[in-house]
Amino acid sequence: MTSESFYGTIPVFRGFASLMDPSLYSPLPDDWSIGVADIVDSTKAIAAQRYKAVNMAGAAVIAAVTNALEGREFPFVFGGDGASFAVAPADLAPAREALAATATWVGEGLELKLRVALVPVGAIRAQGFDVRVARFGPSANLSYAMFSGGGLGWAEAAMKRGEFAVAEAPPGTQPDLTGLSCRFEEIPASRGLILSVLVVPARDADAGAFRKVIEDLIALVERSPDAGRPVPPQGPPLRWPPQGVDYEARAARGGSLFRRRASVLATTLFVYVVMRFGIRLGGFVPKAYVQQVVENSDFRKFDDGLKMILDCSVELERALSERLASAAADGVVRYGLHRQDAAMMTCFTPSALRSDHVHFIDGARGGYASAAIALKAMLA
């Protein structure tokens, strides 16, 4: 095994309930680097109800790096108002260029400030933290990365201190965001409410006690229909024109914004007709694609802490809150919860003919960013 082939050799696990099993996680090679990105003053953006723009910025990081690496697999995680990922030495330069270009585009296209950094894994381990990665398969179509070891959290904190920063690209630089879209409508809660959940270990918490809390939370969720997945079996709502037209136009390359918007409107109208009437086109089968959208939805993950967007009943929300409050009182966890009436989806579909398209889920009224605010309030 070479350093570059490392990620592809990690076995994919299927049962989300086993995600705290340390044997599933493999240490990243020392010569890899961690990329981190987040929106500066995301609290203000959330207060201004710019939820979709914030999510678009976070997903753009993953889309830009994926396209820069020409589709080569690498571990990444979507965080709502940002993203984290890891790359091999051979992919460091293109990843850096993609990050720099994305930071410029987010500033010019979305009027948000994206902070980005690349942190060597060796520098993280020198501080006593680790970066270990597992691969969770929500379906047979693809896998998502899970991270443990505390290294991502340290890298993000270092970025916020101004360390390992990647400077923005020159004005006008456009990353390759091919495949990035937001054509689906908000997904209303069907079981009561959409709950954003963030759970991280308290300082000096016992690892075994933290694992037990996470396993208890997952056990509660697993009893819920479809494990609380906020995307209904028939797929998310689709209308025309979609709410995300302007964002998708800004992500496109070439021509004026007016021409790009006209092109997106024409494309999305064609897609709407195909999906609405179930029209097969060559190898594209609308019903199969919608099923993959549902199965591939990224609504729960672990990156040094548990993150979930759940469509849950009031009873489940109460049970989760009580278990978390008890664990926090025992000094085991810190957590943030945010309640809202809908979820939203941001998609990365390099090819609709492949089954590995990814669909990032967040709450439609603040989501992960608002749960993080609640977590910070607990710390205060």
Protein backbone atom coordinates (compact mmCIF):
# COMPACT_ATOMS: atom_id res chain seq x y z
CA MET A 1 0.00 0.00 0.00
CA THR A 2 1.27 3.44 -0.95
CA SER A 3 0.36 6.66 0.85
CA GLU A 4 -1.74 7.71 -2.15
CA SER A 5 -3.77 4.46 -2.17
CA PHE A 6 -4.39 4.49 1.60
CA TYR A 7 -8.02 5.62 1.63
CA GLY A 8 -9.16 3.10 -0.97
CA THR A 9 -7.89 0.20 1.15
CA ILE A 10 -10.10 1.00 4.16
CA PRO A 11 -13.03 -1.44 4.38
CA VAL A 12 -16.53 0.08 4.27
CA PHE A 13 -18.77 -0.61 7.27
CA ARG A 14 -22.56 -0.55 6.92
CA GLY A 15 -24.19 -0.40 10.35
CA PHE A 16 -24.10 3.16 11.68
CA ALA A 17 -24.57 1.83 15.22
CA SER A 18 -21.02 0.42 15.14
CA LEU A 19 -19.33 3.74 14.30
CA MET A 20 -17.69 4.01 17.75
CA ASP A 21 -15.77 0.76 17.24
CA PRO A 22 -12.13 1.92 17.24
CA SER A 23 -11.07 -0.99 15.04
CA LEU A 24 -12.95 0.60 12.12
CA TYR A 25 -10.63 3.63 12.12
CA SER A 26 -7.22 3.71 10.46
CA PRO A 27 -4.57 6.38 11.15
CA LEU A 28 -3.89 8.73 8.25
CA PRO A 29 -0.31 8.56 6.93
CA ASP A 30 1.99 11.21 8.42
CA ASP A 31 2.61 12.82 5.02
CA TRP A 32 -1.07 13.60 4.41
CA SER A 33 -2.66 16.99 5.06
CA ILE A 34 -5.97 18.08 6.54
CA GLY A 35 -8.00 20.75 4.78
CA VAL A 36 -10.40 22.82 6.86
CA ALA A 37 -12.80 25.60 5.87
CA ASP A 38 -15.51 27.57 7.59
CA ILE A 39 -17.55 30.73 7.20
CA VAL A 40 -16.31 33.67 9.25
CA ASP A 41 -19.16 35.20 11.28
CA SER A 42 -21.55 32.44 10.25
CA THR A 43 -23.69 33.49 13.23
CA LYS A 44 -24.44 36.79 11.45
CA ALA A 45 -25.22 34.97 8.20
CA ILE A 46 -27.60 32.65 10.04
CA ALA A 47 -29.25 35.63 11.77
CA ALA A 48 -29.77 37.12 8.30
CA GLN A 49 -31.43 33.83 7.25
CA ARG A 50 -28.77 33.10 4.62
CA TYR A 51 -28.95 29.40 5.38
CA LYS A 52 -28.70 28.21 1.77
CA ALA A 53 -25.72 30.44 0.97
CA VAL A 54 -23.87 29.10 4.01
CA ASN A 55 -24.54 25.50 2.97
CA MET A 56 -23.57 26.25 -0.63
CA ALA A 57 -20.20 27.56 0.56
CA GLY A 58 -19.49 24.43 2.60
CA ALA A 59 -20.49 22.07 -0.21
CA ALA A 60 -18.47 24.14 -2.72
CA VAL A 61 -15.27 23.24 -0.86
CA ILE A 62 -15.93 19.53 -1.40
CA ALA A 63 -17.03 20.00 -5.02
CA ALA A 64 -14.00 22.14 -5.92
CA VAL A 65 -11.48 19.75 -4.37
CA THR A 66 -13.17 16.68 -5.89
CA ASN A 67 -13.06 18.24 -9.36
CA ALA A 68 -9.47 19.40 -8.87
CA LEU A 69 -8.47 15.83 -8.00
CA GLU A 70 -10.25 14.59 -11.13
CA GLY A 71 -12.59 12.36 -9.17
CA ARG A 72 -9.93 10.53 -7.11
CA GLU A 73 -11.36 9.32 -3.80
CA PHE A 74 -10.45 11.23 -0.66
CA PRO A 75 -12.07 11.48 2.78
CA PHE A 76 -14.24 14.53 3.44
CA VAL A 77 -17.01 15.67 5.76
CA PHE A 78 -19.62 18.40 5.28
CA GLY A 79 -20.16 20.59 8.32
CA GLY A 80 -22.97 22.92 7.28
CA ASP A 81 -21.01 26.18 7.44
CA GLY A 82 -17.79 24.57 6.27
CA ALA A 83 -16.06 21.32 5.44
CA SER A 84 -13.02 19.21 6.32
CA PHE A 85 -11.06 16.72 4.24
CA ALA A 86 -7.74 14.91 3.94
CA VAL A 87 -5.44 14.60 0.92
CA ALA A 88 -2.33 12.67 0.00
CA PRO A 89 0.95 14.50 -0.81
CA ALA A 90 0.43 14.13 -4.56
CA ASP A 91 -2.94 15.91 -4.28
CA LEU A 92 -1.83 18.72 -1.98
CA ALA A 93 -1.06 21.30 -4.69
CA PRO A 94 -4.36 20.97 -6.61
CA ALA A 95 -6.28 20.91 -3.33
CA ARG A 96 -4.56 24.13 -2.27
CA GLU A 97 -5.47 25.82 -5.58
CA ALA A 98 -9.07 24.65 -5.26
CA LEU A 99 -9.32 25.98 -1.70
CA ALA A 100 -7.86 29.35 -2.68
CA ALA A 101 -10.22 29.67 -5.65
CA THR A 102 -13.24 28.64 -3.58
CA ALA A 103 -12.45 31.24 -0.93
CA THR A 104 -12.40 33.91 -3.64
CA TRP A 105 -15.63 32.68 -5.21
CA VAL A 106 -17.47 32.51 -1.87
CA GLY A 107 -16.49 36.13 -1.23
CA GLU A 108 -17.46 37.39 -4.68
CA GLY A 109 -20.35 35.07 -5.51
CA LEU A 110 -21.98 34.55 -2.13
CA GLU A 111 -20.75 37.65 -0.27
CA LEU A 112 -19.46 35.53 2.59
CA LYS A 113 -15.96 35.20 4.04
CA LEU A 114 -14.55 31.67 3.77
CA ARG A 115 -11.54 30.92 5.93
CA VAL A 116 -9.39 28.02 4.64
CA ALA A 117 -6.26 26.20 5.81
CA LEU A 118 -4.17 23.10 5.08
CA VAL A 119 -2.63 21.45 8.13
CA PRO A 120 0.00 18.66 7.95
CA VAL A 121 -1.02 15.53 9.83
CA GLY A 122 2.47 15.48 11.32
CA ALA A 123 1.86 18.90 12.89
CA ILE A 124 -1.37 17.61 14.44
CA ARG A 125 0.31 14.55 15.92
CA ALA A 126 3.10 16.73 17.29
CA GLN A 127 0.41 18.37 19.47
CA GLY A 128 -0.71 15.02 20.87
CA PHE A 129 -3.79 14.56 18.67
CA ASP A 130 -4.48 12.00 15.98
CA VAL A 131 -6.47 11.75 12.74
CA ARG A 132 -8.06 8.38 12.13
CA VAL A 133 -10.55 7.70 9.38
CA ALA A 134 -13.26 5.12 8.71
CA ARG A 135 -15.63 4.64 5.77
CA PHE A 136 -19.38 4.36 6.39
CA GLY A 137 -21.59 3.13 3.58
CA PRO A 138 -25.16 4.45 3.93
CA SER A 139 -25.98 2.42 0.82
CA ALA A 140 -24.27 0.20 -1.72
CA ASN A 141 -23.73 3.29 -3.89
CA LEU A 142 -21.04 5.16 -1.98
CA SER A 143 -19.30 5.74 1.35
CA TYR A 144 -18.72 8.76 3.57
CA ALA A 145 -15.68 9.38 5.76
CA MET A 146 -15.83 9.37 9.56
CA PHE A 147 -12.99 10.93 11.57
CA SER A 148 -11.76 10.36 15.12
CA GLY A 149 -8.72 11.24 17.22
CA GLY A 150 -9.35 14.91 17.92
CA GLY A 151 -7.14 16.06 15.06
CA LEU A 152 -9.85 17.74 13.00
CA GLY A 153 -10.93 19.80 15.98
CA TRP A 154 -7.34 20.92 16.60
CA ALA A 155 -6.87 21.77 12.91
CA GLU A 156 -10.01 23.91 12.90
CA ALA A 157 -8.90 25.74 16.05
CA ALA A 158 -5.48 26.36 14.49
CA MET A 159 -7.15 27.77 11.37
CA LYS A 160 -9.19 30.16 13.49
CA ARG A 161 -5.95 31.33 15.14
CA GLY A 162 -4.65 32.19 11.68
CA GLU A 163 -2.23 29.26 11.39
CA PHE A 164 -1.65 27.22 8.21
CA ALA A 165 -3.83 29.66 6.27
CA VAL A 166 -4.34 29.36 2.51
CA ALA A 167 -4.53 32.80 0.90
CA GLU A 168 -7.39 33.62 -1.42
CA ALA A 169 -6.79 33.36 -5.17
CA PRO A 170 -6.69 36.58 -7.24
CA PRO A 171 -10.04 38.35 -7.77
CA GLY A 172 -12.19 36.77 -10.45
CA THR A 173 -10.75 33.27 -9.98
CA GLN A 174 -13.49 30.68 -10.38
CA PRO A 175 -13.17 27.13 -9.00
CA ASP A 176 -14.53 24.21 -10.96
CA LEU A 177 -17.86 23.57 -9.22
CA THR A 178 -19.29 21.28 -11.89
CA GLY A 179 -21.98 19.09 -10.35
CA LEU A 180 -22.80 21.41 -7.46
CA SER A 181 -26.52 22.21 -7.35
CA CYS A 182 -29.45 22.95 -5.07
CA ARG A 183 -32.50 22.07 -7.17
CA PHE A 184 -34.64 20.40 -4.51
CA GLU A 185 -37.02 22.35 -2.29
CA GLU A 186 -36.99 22.38 1.49
CA ILE A 187 -38.06 19.08 3.05
CA PRO A 188 -40.76 19.63 5.70
CA ALA A 189 -40.70 17.55 8.87
CA SER A 190 -43.09 14.60 8.66
CA ARG A 191 -42.73 13.25 12.21
CA GLY A 192 -42.86 16.45 14.22
CA LEU A 193 -39.66 18.44 13.86
CA ILE A 194 -36.22 18.54 12.26
CA LEU A 195 -33.58 18.32 14.97
CA SER A 196 -29.93 19.32 14.45
CA VAL A 197 -27.65 17.46 16.86
CA LEU A 198 -24.00 18.13 17.73
CA VAL A 199 -22.31 16.09 20.45
CA VAL A 200 -18.59 16.30 21.34
CA PRO A 201 -16.62 14.94 24.30
CA ALA A 202 -16.18 17.19 27.30
CA ARG A 203 -12.64 18.13 28.24
CA ASP A 204 -10.85 15.15 29.84
CA ALA A 205 -13.94 12.98 29.37
CA ASP A 206 -13.45 9.24 29.72
CA ALA A 207 -13.35 7.69 26.24
CA GLY A 208 -15.43 4.70 27.31
CA ALA A 209 -18.11 6.89 28.87
CA PHE A 210 -18.28 9.07 25.74
CA ARG A 211 -18.59 6.01 23.53
CA LYS A 212 -21.47 4.73 25.69
CA VAL A 213 -23.36 8.03 25.35
CA ILE A 214 -23.00 8.04 21.56
CA GLU A 215 -24.11 4.42 21.33
CA ASP A 216 -27.13 5.19 23.54
CA LEU A 217 -28.10 8.13 21.33
CA ILE A 218 -27.80 6.07 18.15
CA ALA A 219 -29.85 3.26 19.72
CA LEU A 220 -32.63 5.75 20.45
CA VAL A 221 -32.55 7.05 16.87
CA GLU A 222 -32.41 3.60 15.29
CA ARG A 223 -35.83 2.82 16.78
CA SER A 224 -37.31 5.73 14.83
CA PRO A 225 -38.77 5.04 11.36
CA ASP A 226 -35.96 4.98 8.79
CA ALA A 227 -33.53 5.97 11.58
CA GLY A 228 -34.81 9.54 11.49
CA ARG A 229 -33.78 10.17 7.88
CA PRO A 230 -35.25 13.56 6.92
CA VAL A 231 -35.55 12.66 3.22
CA PRO A 232 -38.87 10.89 2.51
CA PRO A 233 -38.93 7.63 0.49
CA GLN A 234 -40.38 9.46 -2.53
CA GLY A 235 -37.49 11.92 -2.48
CA PRO A 236 -37.38 15.62 -1.65
CA PRO A 237 -39.86 18.04 -3.26
CA LEU A 238 -38.97 19.24 -6.75
CA ARG A 239 -40.48 22.35 -8.33
CA TRP A 240 -39.67 24.77 -11.12
CA PRO A 241 -38.11 27.22 -11.04
CA PRO A 242 -36.08 25.87 -8.09
CA GLN A 243 -35.28 28.12 -5.15
CA GLY A 244 -31.54 27.65 -5.75
CA VAL A 245 -31.41 29.03 -9.32
CA ASP A 246 -29.24 32.02 -8.46
CA TYR A 247 -26.77 29.98 -6.43
CA GLU A 248 -26.34 27.42 -9.18
CA ALA A 249 -25.92 30.23 -11.74
CA ARG A 250 -23.20 31.81 -9.61
CA ALA A 251 -21.42 28.45 -9.38
CA ALA A 252 -21.41 28.02 -13.18
CA ARG A 253 -18.52 29.16 -15.36
CA GLY A 254 -18.54 31.30 -18.49
CA GLY A 255 -20.54 34.30 -19.63
CA SER A 256 -22.45 36.92 -17.70
CA LEU A 257 -24.51 36.06 -14.63
CA PHE A 258 -27.64 36.78 -16.70
CA ARG A 259 -26.65 34.21 -19.34
CA ARG A 260 -25.67 31.66 -16.72
CA ARG A 261 -29.00 32.13 -14.95
CA ALA A 262 -30.88 31.67 -18.24
CA SER A 263 -28.91 28.50 -18.91
CA VAL A 264 -29.65 27.13 -15.44
CA LEU A 265 -33.34 27.92 -15.84
CA ALA A 266 -33.44 26.05 -19.15
CA THR A 267 -31.51 23.08 -17.75
CA THR A 268 -33.61 22.83 -14.61
CA LEU A 269 -36.84 23.04 -16.62
CA PHE A 270 -35.68 20.12 -18.74
CA VAL A 271 -34.71 18.17 -15.60
CA TYR A 272 -38.03 18.99 -13.95
CA VAL A 273 -40.01 17.65 -16.91
CA VAL A 274 -37.90 14.48 -17.04
CA MET A 275 -38.29 13.86 -13.31
CA ARG A 276 -41.94 14.91 -13.09
CA PHE A 277 -43.05 12.50 -15.81
CA GLY A 278 -40.46 9.77 -15.15
CA ILE A 279 -38.97 9.97 -18.64
CA ARG A 280 -36.10 7.57 -19.24
CA LEU A 281 -33.16 9.02 -21.15
CA GLY A 282 -30.55 6.50 -22.21
CA GLY A 283 -29.12 5.05 -19.02
CA PHE A 284 -30.87 7.57 -16.78
CA VAL A 285 -33.90 6.21 -14.91
CA PRO A 286 -35.63 8.90 -12.80
CA LYS A 287 -37.12 6.45 -10.29
CA ALA A 288 -33.74 4.82 -9.67
CA TYR A 289 -32.06 8.22 -9.34
CA VAL A 290 -34.57 9.39 -6.71
CA GLN A 291 -34.04 6.18 -4.76
CA GLN A 292 -30.29 6.82 -4.82
CA VAL A 293 -30.85 10.41 -3.63
CA VAL A 294 -32.71 9.06 -0.61
CA GLU A 295 -30.17 6.33 0.13
CA ASN A 296 -27.14 8.58 -0.39
CA SER A 297 -28.34 11.43 1.83
CA ASP A 298 -25.63 12.47 4.29
CA PHE A 299 -27.75 13.17 7.38
CA ARG A 300 -25.54 11.66 10.10
CA LYS A 301 -21.79 11.46 10.58
CA PHE A 302 -18.94 11.43 13.06
CA ASP A 303 -15.94 13.77 12.93
CA ASP A 304 -14.55 13.92 16.46
CA GLY A 305 -18.19 14.23 17.49
CA LEU A 306 -21.64 13.05 16.47
CA LYS A 307 -23.59 15.19 13.96
CA MET A 308 -27.14 14.38 12.87
CA ILE A 309 -30.07 16.05 11.13
CA LEU A 310 -33.13 14.07 12.21
CA ASP A 311 -36.79 14.07 11.31
CA CYS A 312 -38.06 13.03 14.71
CA SER A 313 -41.06 12.96 16.97
CA VAL A 314 -41.39 15.14 20.04
CA GLU A 315 -40.94 11.99 22.13
CA LEU A 316 -37.63 11.12 20.48
CA GLU A 317 -36.42 14.71 20.83
CA ARG A 318 -37.25 14.58 24.54
CA ALA A 319 -35.45 11.25 25.01
CA LEU A 320 -32.32 12.54 23.24
CA SER A 321 -32.36 15.77 25.25
CA GLU A 322 -32.69 13.92 28.55
CA ARG A 323 -29.81 11.54 27.75
CA LEU A 324 -27.60 14.43 26.67
CA ALA A 325 -28.44 16.57 29.69
CA SER A 326 -27.58 13.67 31.99
CA ALA A 327 -24.28 13.03 30.20
CA ALA A 328 -23.39 16.73 30.29
CA ALA A 329 -24.11 16.87 34.03
CA ASP A 330 -21.72 13.94 34.46
CA GLY A 331 -18.98 15.81 32.58
CA VAL A 332 -18.95 13.41 29.64
CA VAL A 333 -20.25 15.50 26.72
CA ARG A 334 -20.94 18.99 25.45
CA TYR A 335 -23.79 19.33 23.00
CA GLY A 336 -25.98 21.64 20.98
CA LEU A 337 -29.48 21.07 19.67
CA HIS A 338 -31.52 23.16 17.27
CA ARG A 339 -35.16 22.62 16.38
CA GLN A 340 -36.74 23.65 13.07
CA ASP A 341 -39.61 22.73 10.80
CA ALA A 342 -37.72 21.61 7.68
CA ALA A 343 -34.45 20.27 6.29
CA MET A 344 -32.66 21.25 3.10
CA MET A 345 -30.40 19.46 0.66
CA THR A 346 -27.35 20.61 -1.31
CA CYS A 347 -26.24 18.19 -4.01
CA PHE A 348 -22.99 17.26 -5.71
CA THR A 349 -23.73 15.19 -8.80
CA PRO A 350 -20.76 14.99 -11.18
CA SER A 351 -22.75 12.49 -13.27
CA ALA A 352 -26.43 11.57 -13.00
CA LEU A 353 -25.58 8.27 -14.73
CA ARG A 354 -23.47 7.12 -11.78
CA SER A 355 -24.89 6.04 -8.44
CA ASP A 356 -22.31 7.78 -6.21
CA HIS A 357 -23.80 11.29 -6.26
CA VAL A 358 -23.75 12.88 -2.78
CA HIS A 359 -26.48 14.87 -1.04
CA PHE A 360 -25.64 16.97 2.00
CA ILE A 361 -28.44 17.48 4.51
CA ASP A 362 -28.75 20.37 6.96
CA GLY A 363 -31.54 22.03 8.86
CA ALA A 364 -33.41 24.66 6.87
CA ARG A 365 -33.51 27.22 9.70
CA GLY A 366 -29.93 27.30 10.92
CA GLY A 367 -29.08 23.60 11.13
CA TYR A 368 -25.61 22.64 12.27
CA ALA A 369 -24.48 26.27 12.58
CA SER A 370 -27.28 27.05 15.06
CA ALA A 371 -26.60 23.83 16.99
CA ALA A 372 -22.96 24.94 17.21
CA ILE A 373 -24.10 28.26 18.66
CA ALA A 374 -26.02 26.35 21.33
CA LEU A 375 -22.94 24.24 22.04
CA LYS A 376 -20.78 27.36 22.47
CA ALA A 377 -23.40 28.81 24.82
CA MET A 378 -23.08 25.68 26.96
CA LEU A 379 -19.31 26.19 27.12
CA ALA A 380 -19.83 29.81 28.19
